[in-house]
N, C-alpha and C. Protein backbone atom coordinates (compact mmCIF):
# COMPACT_ATOMS: atom_id res chain seq x y z
N UNK A 1 108.15 99.53 97.76
CA UNK A 1 107.38 98.34 97.51
C UNK A 1 107.24 97.56 98.80
N UNK A 2 106.05 97.14 99.06
CA UNK A 2 105.78 96.52 100.35
C UNK A 2 105.17 95.13 100.19
N UNK A 3 106.02 94.16 99.83
CA UNK A 3 105.55 92.79 99.67
C UNK A 3 104.94 92.26 100.96
N UNK A 4 105.52 92.63 102.09
CA UNK A 4 104.99 92.16 103.37
C UNK A 4 103.56 92.64 103.57
N UNK A 5 103.29 93.88 103.21
CA UNK A 5 101.93 94.42 103.35
C UNK A 5 100.97 93.71 102.40
N UNK A 6 101.41 93.44 101.18
CA UNK A 6 100.56 92.71 100.23
C UNK A 6 100.28 91.31 100.75
N UNK A 7 101.27 90.66 101.32
CA UNK A 7 101.06 89.33 101.91
C UNK A 7 100.10 89.40 103.09
N UNK A 8 100.22 90.44 103.91
CA UNK A 8 99.31 90.61 105.05
C UNK A 8 97.87 90.80 104.58
N UNK A 9 97.69 91.53 103.50
CA UNK A 9 96.36 91.73 102.95
C UNK A 9 95.76 90.39 102.53
N UNK A 10 96.55 89.56 101.87
CA UNK A 10 96.04 88.27 101.44
C UNK A 10 95.75 87.36 102.63
N UNK A 11 96.57 87.43 103.66
CA UNK A 11 96.29 86.63 104.87
C UNK A 11 94.99 87.08 105.51
N UNK A 12 94.77 88.39 105.58
CA UNK A 12 93.51 88.88 106.14
C UNK A 12 92.32 88.41 105.31
N UNK A 13 92.49 88.38 103.99
CA UNK A 13 91.40 87.94 103.12
C UNK A 13 91.06 86.47 103.36
N UNK A 14 92.05 85.70 103.76
CA UNK A 14 91.80 84.28 104.03
C UNK A 14 91.05 84.06 105.33
N UNK A 15 91.31 84.89 106.34
CA UNK A 15 90.74 84.62 107.66
C UNK A 15 89.55 85.50 108.03
N UNK A 16 89.34 86.59 107.30
CA UNK A 16 88.26 87.52 107.64
C UNK A 16 87.29 87.62 106.47
N UNK A 17 86.13 86.99 106.60
CA UNK A 17 85.15 86.94 105.53
C UNK A 17 84.67 88.30 105.07
N UNK A 18 84.44 89.20 105.99
CA UNK A 18 83.95 90.54 105.64
C UNK A 18 85.02 91.29 104.84
N UNK A 19 86.27 91.20 105.30
CA UNK A 19 87.37 91.85 104.58
C UNK A 19 87.51 91.23 103.18
N UNK A 20 87.44 89.89 103.10
CA UNK A 20 87.55 89.19 101.82
C UNK A 20 86.48 89.67 100.85
N UNK A 21 85.24 89.75 101.31
CA UNK A 21 84.15 90.20 100.45
C UNK A 21 84.39 91.62 99.94
N UNK A 22 84.86 92.49 100.82
CA UNK A 22 85.16 93.87 100.41
C UNK A 22 86.29 93.91 99.40
N UNK A 23 87.34 93.12 99.63
CA UNK A 23 88.48 93.09 98.71
C UNK A 23 88.04 92.62 97.33
N UNK A 24 87.17 91.62 97.28
CA UNK A 24 86.73 91.08 96.00
C UNK A 24 85.72 91.96 95.28
N UNK A 25 84.85 92.63 96.03
CA UNK A 25 83.78 93.40 95.39
C UNK A 25 84.07 94.89 95.26
N UNK A 26 84.80 95.45 96.20
CA UNK A 26 85.11 96.89 96.15
C UNK A 26 86.45 97.15 96.84
N UNK A 27 87.55 96.77 96.20
CA UNK A 27 88.86 96.89 96.84
C UNK A 27 89.24 98.32 97.20
N UNK A 28 88.68 99.30 96.53
CA UNK A 28 89.01 100.69 96.85
C UNK A 28 88.65 101.03 98.29
N UNK A 29 87.67 100.32 98.85
CA UNK A 29 87.27 100.58 100.23
C UNK A 29 88.29 100.08 101.25
N UNK A 30 89.14 99.13 100.88
CA UNK A 30 90.06 98.56 101.87
C UNK A 30 91.52 98.92 101.64
N UNK A 31 91.94 99.20 100.40
CA UNK A 31 93.36 99.41 100.16
C UNK A 31 93.91 100.67 100.81
N UNK A 32 93.06 101.63 101.03
CA UNK A 32 93.51 102.87 101.66
C UNK A 32 93.91 102.70 103.11
N UNK A 33 93.53 101.58 103.72
CA UNK A 33 93.85 101.32 105.12
C UNK A 33 95.26 100.77 105.31
N UNK A 34 96.00 100.57 104.20
CA UNK A 34 97.31 99.95 104.28
C UNK A 34 98.38 100.88 103.71
N UNK A 35 99.61 100.65 104.15
CA UNK A 35 100.75 101.44 103.70
C UNK A 35 101.26 100.88 102.38
N UNK A 36 100.62 101.32 101.29
CA UNK A 36 100.97 100.86 99.95
C UNK A 36 101.29 102.06 99.08
N UNK A 37 102.18 101.85 98.11
CA UNK A 37 102.43 102.95 97.18
C UNK A 37 101.29 103.00 96.16
N UNK A 38 101.27 104.04 95.35
CA UNK A 38 100.17 104.27 94.42
C UNK A 38 100.03 103.11 93.43
N UNK A 39 101.15 102.60 92.92
CA UNK A 39 101.09 101.49 91.97
C UNK A 39 100.44 100.26 92.60
N UNK A 40 100.82 99.94 93.82
CA UNK A 40 100.24 98.79 94.52
C UNK A 40 98.75 98.97 94.74
N UNK A 41 98.35 100.17 95.15
CA UNK A 41 96.93 100.44 95.34
C UNK A 41 96.17 100.27 94.03
N UNK A 42 96.74 100.80 92.95
CA UNK A 42 96.08 100.68 91.64
C UNK A 42 95.93 99.23 91.21
N UNK A 43 96.96 98.43 91.45
CA UNK A 43 96.90 97.02 91.08
C UNK A 43 95.83 96.30 91.89
N UNK A 44 95.80 96.53 93.20
CA UNK A 44 94.80 95.87 94.04
C UNK A 44 93.38 96.27 93.63
N UNK A 45 93.20 97.52 93.24
CA UNK A 45 91.88 97.98 92.80
C UNK A 45 91.49 97.40 91.45
N UNK A 46 92.49 97.11 90.60
CA UNK A 46 92.22 96.66 89.24
C UNK A 46 91.97 95.16 89.13
N UNK A 47 92.41 94.39 90.11
CA UNK A 47 92.24 92.95 90.02
C UNK A 47 90.76 92.59 90.14
N UNK A 48 90.29 91.83 89.17
CA UNK A 48 88.92 91.32 89.18
C UNK A 48 88.99 89.81 89.37
N UNK A 49 88.34 89.32 90.41
CA UNK A 49 88.39 87.89 90.71
C UNK A 49 87.10 87.46 91.39
N UNK A 50 86.74 86.20 91.19
CA UNK A 50 85.55 85.63 91.81
C UNK A 50 85.85 84.93 93.13
N UNK A 51 87.13 84.68 93.38
CA UNK A 51 87.51 84.00 94.62
C UNK A 51 88.83 84.59 95.14
N UNK A 52 89.07 84.36 96.41
CA UNK A 52 90.32 84.85 96.99
C UNK A 52 91.51 84.13 96.38
N UNK A 53 91.32 82.87 95.97
CA UNK A 53 92.41 82.13 95.32
C UNK A 53 92.78 82.77 93.99
N UNK A 54 91.78 83.11 93.20
CA UNK A 54 92.02 83.76 91.92
C UNK A 54 92.66 85.13 92.13
N UNK A 55 92.18 85.86 93.12
CA UNK A 55 92.74 87.18 93.42
C UNK A 55 94.22 87.04 93.80
N UNK A 56 94.52 86.09 94.68
CA UNK A 56 95.91 85.88 95.11
C UNK A 56 96.79 85.48 93.93
N UNK A 57 96.28 84.64 93.06
CA UNK A 57 97.05 84.21 91.89
C UNK A 57 97.39 85.41 91.01
N UNK A 58 96.43 86.27 90.77
CA UNK A 58 96.66 87.45 89.94
C UNK A 58 97.64 88.42 90.61
N UNK A 59 97.49 88.61 91.91
CA UNK A 59 98.41 89.49 92.63
C UNK A 59 99.82 88.92 92.59
N UNK A 60 99.95 87.63 92.82
CA UNK A 60 101.26 86.99 92.81
C UNK A 60 101.92 87.12 91.43
N UNK A 61 101.14 86.94 90.37
CA UNK A 61 101.67 87.09 89.02
C UNK A 61 102.21 88.50 88.82
N UNK A 62 101.46 89.50 89.26
CA UNK A 62 101.92 90.88 89.15
C UNK A 62 103.20 91.09 89.95
N UNK A 63 103.26 90.53 91.16
CA UNK A 63 104.45 90.70 91.99
C UNK A 63 105.68 90.10 91.30
N UNK A 64 105.51 88.96 90.65
CA UNK A 64 106.63 88.33 89.93
C UNK A 64 107.06 89.19 88.75
N UNK A 65 106.10 89.71 88.02
CA UNK A 65 106.42 90.56 86.86
C UNK A 65 107.12 91.83 87.30
N UNK A 66 106.69 92.39 88.40
CA UNK A 66 107.27 93.63 88.91
C UNK A 66 108.74 93.46 89.24
N UNK A 67 109.10 92.31 89.78
CA UNK A 67 110.48 92.09 90.17
C UNK A 67 111.27 91.38 89.08
N UNK A 68 110.64 91.12 87.95
CA UNK A 68 111.32 90.42 86.88
C UNK A 68 111.59 88.96 87.22
N UNK A 69 110.85 88.44 88.18
CA UNK A 69 111.02 87.06 88.56
C UNK A 69 112.19 86.82 89.49
N UNK A 70 113.08 87.81 89.64
CA UNK A 70 114.21 87.61 90.55
C UNK A 70 114.74 88.92 91.13
N UNK A 71 113.99 90.00 91.01
CA UNK A 71 114.47 91.29 91.48
C UNK A 71 114.53 91.43 92.98
N UNK A 72 113.75 90.66 93.70
CA UNK A 72 113.74 90.75 95.16
C UNK A 72 113.96 89.34 95.71
N UNK A 73 115.20 88.94 95.76
CA UNK A 73 115.46 87.59 96.22
C UNK A 73 115.11 86.60 95.13
N UNK A 74 114.16 85.72 95.38
CA UNK A 74 113.81 84.70 94.40
C UNK A 74 112.54 85.04 93.63
N UNK A 75 112.03 86.27 93.74
CA UNK A 75 110.90 86.68 92.94
C UNK A 75 109.55 86.43 93.56
N UNK A 76 109.50 85.81 94.74
CA UNK A 76 108.20 85.57 95.36
C UNK A 76 108.02 86.41 96.61
N UNK A 77 108.82 87.46 96.74
CA UNK A 77 108.68 88.34 97.89
C UNK A 77 109.52 87.90 99.07
N UNK A 78 110.21 86.80 98.94
CA UNK A 78 111.04 86.29 100.03
C UNK A 78 112.49 86.30 99.58
N UNK A 79 113.37 86.63 100.47
CA UNK A 79 114.79 86.64 100.12
C UNK A 79 115.42 85.26 100.25
N UNK A 80 114.81 84.39 101.00
CA UNK A 80 115.36 83.05 101.19
C UNK A 80 114.83 82.12 100.11
N UNK A 81 115.70 81.31 99.56
CA UNK A 81 115.29 80.31 98.60
C UNK A 81 115.17 78.99 99.34
N UNK A 82 114.02 78.38 99.20
CA UNK A 82 113.77 77.12 99.88
C UNK A 82 114.08 75.96 98.94
N UNK A 83 114.73 74.96 99.48
CA UNK A 83 115.03 73.76 98.71
C UNK A 83 113.80 72.88 98.60
N UNK A 84 113.94 71.79 97.88
CA UNK A 84 112.79 70.89 97.76
C UNK A 84 112.42 70.31 99.11
N UNK A 85 111.16 70.03 99.26
CA UNK A 85 110.69 69.46 100.52
C UNK A 85 111.23 68.05 100.71
N UNK A 86 111.53 67.75 101.93
CA UNK A 86 111.97 66.40 102.27
C UNK A 86 110.75 65.50 102.38
N UNK A 87 110.92 64.23 102.11
CA UNK A 87 109.77 63.32 102.25
C UNK A 87 109.26 63.32 103.68
N UNK A 88 107.97 63.24 103.80
CA UNK A 88 107.34 63.21 105.12
C UNK A 88 107.18 61.75 105.52
N UNK A 89 107.68 61.45 106.68
CA UNK A 89 107.54 60.09 107.18
C UNK A 89 106.22 60.00 107.94
N UNK A 90 105.37 59.14 107.48
CA UNK A 90 104.05 58.98 108.09
C UNK A 90 104.14 58.01 109.27
N UNK A 91 103.41 58.35 110.29
CA UNK A 91 103.31 57.47 111.44
C UNK A 91 102.12 56.57 111.21
N UNK A 92 102.38 55.30 111.12
CA UNK A 92 101.30 54.34 110.89
C UNK A 92 100.91 53.71 112.22
N UNK A 93 99.70 53.92 112.59
CA UNK A 93 99.20 53.37 113.85
C UNK A 93 98.40 52.11 113.56
N UNK A 94 98.60 51.13 114.41
CA UNK A 94 97.82 49.92 114.28
C UNK A 94 96.46 50.12 114.94
N UNK A 95 95.42 49.64 114.31
CA UNK A 95 94.11 49.76 114.95
C UNK A 95 94.11 49.02 116.29
N UNK A 96 93.47 49.59 117.26
CA UNK A 96 93.44 48.94 118.58
C UNK A 96 92.23 48.06 118.74
């Protein structure tokens, strides 16, 4: 199972419009270029989505189901569990 490769595919879809269009309209043309097992290739080919956000959401849901929500670290493909975000201190500038 290659969560890193699946994440790389989604990153490419975000930054490369041509790749994104191919992934959304004919994923079979792009999945063969990556080191994925047969199940992962089948899932990527089967996802039907109108946007990269919808595609990513469906892929992420499958990844969680595959690991049972906690089979690989915390279930999101990462072994590290992140705590809640700390409040962001805003810098307030006075108008000049």
